[in-house]
C-alpha atoms as a PDB file:
ATOM      1  CA  GLY A   1      -0.100   0.354  -0.041  1.00  0.00           C
ATOM      2  CA  GLY A   2       0.949   3.454  -0.015  1.00  0.00           C
ATOM      3  CA  SER A   3       2.092   5.948  -2.945  1.00  0.00           C
ATOM      4  CA  ALA A   4       6.007   5.039  -2.304  1.00  0.00           C
ATOM      5  CA  ALA A   5       8.515   2.428  -2.438  1.00  0.00           C
ATOM      6  CA  TYR A   6      11.381   2.399   0.204  1.00  0.00           C
ATOM      7  CA  TYR A   7      13.324   0.617   2.720  1.00  0.00           C
ATOM      8  CA  ALA A   8      13.408   1.742   6.039  1.00  0.00           C
ATOM      9  CA  ALA A   9      16.156   0.516   7.687  1.00  0.00           C
ATOM     10  CA  GLN A  10      15.521   0.962  11.468  1.00  0.00           C
ATOM     11  CA  ARG A  11      12.244  -1.498  10.693  1.00  0.00           C
ATOM     12  CA  ASP A  12      13.792  -3.551   8.583  1.00  0.00           C
ATOM     13  CA  TYR A  13      10.466  -3.401   6.517  1.00  0.00           C
ATOM     14  CA  ILE A  14       9.841  -2.567   2.421  1.00  0.00           C
ATOM     15  CA  GLN A  15       7.269  -0.472   1.542  1.00  0.00           C
ATOM     16  CA  MET A  16       5.897  -1.084  -1.620  1.00  0.00           C
ATOM     17  CA  PRO A  17       2.615   0.506  -3.199  1.00  0.00           C
ATOM     18  CA  CYS A  18       0.158  -2.046  -4.704  1.00  0.00           C
ATOM     19  CA  LEU A  19       0.886  -3.341  -8.648  1.00  0.00           C
ATOM     20  CA  ASP A  20      -1.813  -1.670  -9.775  1.00  0.00           C
ATOM     21  CA  ALA A  21      -0.013   1.902  -9.382  1.00  0.00           C
ATOM     22  CA  PHE A  22       2.809   0.984 -11.560  1.00  0.00           C
ATOM     23  CA  ARG A  23       2.505   1.268 -15.668  1.00  0.00           C
ATOM     24  CA  ASP A  24       3.727  -2.261 -15.719  1.00  0.00           C
ATOM     25  CA  ASP A  25       4.105  -5.553 -13.679  1.00  0.00           C
ATOM     26  CA  ALA A  26       8.576  -4.575 -15.505  1.00  0.00           C
ATOM     27  CA  SER A  27       8.564  -1.660 -13.011  1.00  0.00           C
ATOM     28  CA  HIS A  28       6.810  -2.951 -10.079  1.00  0.00           C
ATOM     29  CA  VAL A  29       9.666  -5.937 -10.133  1.00  0.00           C
ATOM     30  CA  ALA A  30      12.475  -2.859 -10.828  1.00  0.00           C
ATOM     31  CA  ILE A  31      11.133  -1.078  -7.990  1.00  0.00           C
ATOM     32  CA  LEU A  32      10.926  -3.711  -5.638  1.00  0.00           C
ATOM     33  CA  SER A  33      14.045  -5.269  -6.445  1.00  0.00           C
ATOM     34  CA  HIS A  34      16.003  -2.199  -5.777  1.00  0.00           C
ATOM     35  CA  GLU A  35      14.355  -2.253  -2.431  1.00  0.00           C
ATOM     36  CA  ILE A  36      15.434  -5.704  -1.779  1.00  0.00           C
ATOM     37  CA  THR A  37      18.760  -4.467  -2.578  1.00  0.00           C
ATOM     38  CA  HIS A  38      18.827  -2.079  -0.262  1.00  0.00           C
ATOM     39  CA  TRP A  39      17.439  -4.800   2.558  1.00  0.00           C
ATOM     40  CA  THR A  40      20.532  -6.657   1.897  1.00  0.00           C
ATOM     41  CA  ALA A  41      22.177  -4.046   3.549  1.00  0.00           C
ATOM     42  CA  ALA A  42      20.617  -5.455   7.022  1.00  0.00           C
ATOM     43  CA  PRO A  43      23.391  -5.712   9.805  1.00  0.00           C
ATOM     44  CA  ARG A  44      22.544 -10.291   9.538  1.00  0.00           C
ATOM     45  CA  ARG A  45      22.618 -10.236   6.026  1.00  0.00           C
ATOM     46  CA  LEU A  46      25.477  -7.970   4.040  1.00  0.00           C
ATOM     47  CA  ASP A  47      25.866  -5.956   7.182  1.00  0.00           C
ATOM     48  CA  ARG A  48      26.397  -2.266   4.750  1.00  0.00           C
ATOM     49  CA  ASP A  49      26.953   0.680   6.881  1.00  0.00           C
ATOM     50  CA  LEU A  50      23.332   3.093   6.383  1.00  0.00           C
ATOM     51  CA  SER A  51      24.242   4.672   8.837  1.00  0.00           C
ATOM     52  CA  ARG A  52      25.348   8.117   6.951  1.00  0.00           C
ATOM     53  CA  TYR A  53      22.450   7.733   4.082  1.00  0.00           C
ATOM     54  CA  ALA A  54      20.166  10.767   5.144  1.00  0.00           C
ATOM     55  CA  LYS A  55      23.444  12.796   5.491  1.00  0.00           C
ATOM     56  CA  ASP A  56      26.014  12.277   3.283  1.00  0.00           C
ATOM     57  CA  ARG A  57      25.172  12.621  -0.422  1.00  0.00           C
ATOM     58  CA  SER A  58      28.229  10.308  -1.623  1.00  0.00           C
ATOM     59  CA  ASP A  59      27.179   7.494   0.443  1.00  0.00           C
ATOM     60  CA  ARG A  60      23.855   8.265  -0.134  1.00  0.00           C
ATOM     61  CA  ALA A  61      25.260   7.882  -4.286  1.00  0.00           C
ATOM     62  CA  ARG A  62      26.915   4.824  -3.043  1.00  0.00           C
ATOM     63  CA  GLU A  63      24.153   3.196  -1.969  1.00  0.00           C
ATOM     64  CA  GLU A  64      21.760   3.922  -4.490  1.00  0.00           C
ATOM     65  CA  LEU A  65      24.335   2.609  -7.175  1.00  0.00           C
ATOM     66  CA  ILE A  66      24.508  -0.795  -5.551  1.00  0.00           C
ATOM     67  CA  ALA A  67      20.336  -1.178  -5.433  1.00  0.00           C
ATOM     68  CA  GLU A  68      20.149  -0.029  -8.944  1.00  0.00           C
ATOM     69  CA  LEU A  69      23.337  -2.488  -9.773  1.00  0.00           C
ATOM     70  CA  GLY A  70      21.589  -5.335  -7.457  1.00  0.00           C
ATOM     71  CA  SER A  71      18.350  -4.634  -9.207  1.00  0.00           C
ATOM     72  CA  ALA A  72      19.901  -4.843 -12.724  1.00  0.00           C
END
């Protein structure tokens, strides 16, 4: 539900809009796989440090690149 897709690290939760909110199934899968790649950063998974994600533009860019590559 909701209108935005994101991974909430503090809650270890992926928020995804309903399937019909997307242009097509491929768009839904692309966004979901991007968010799942962020999800792998959790300490009990790959343990990537996301603590500076909101504050440091270079750390944010790095994590977004990882998520884009992971979704490819």
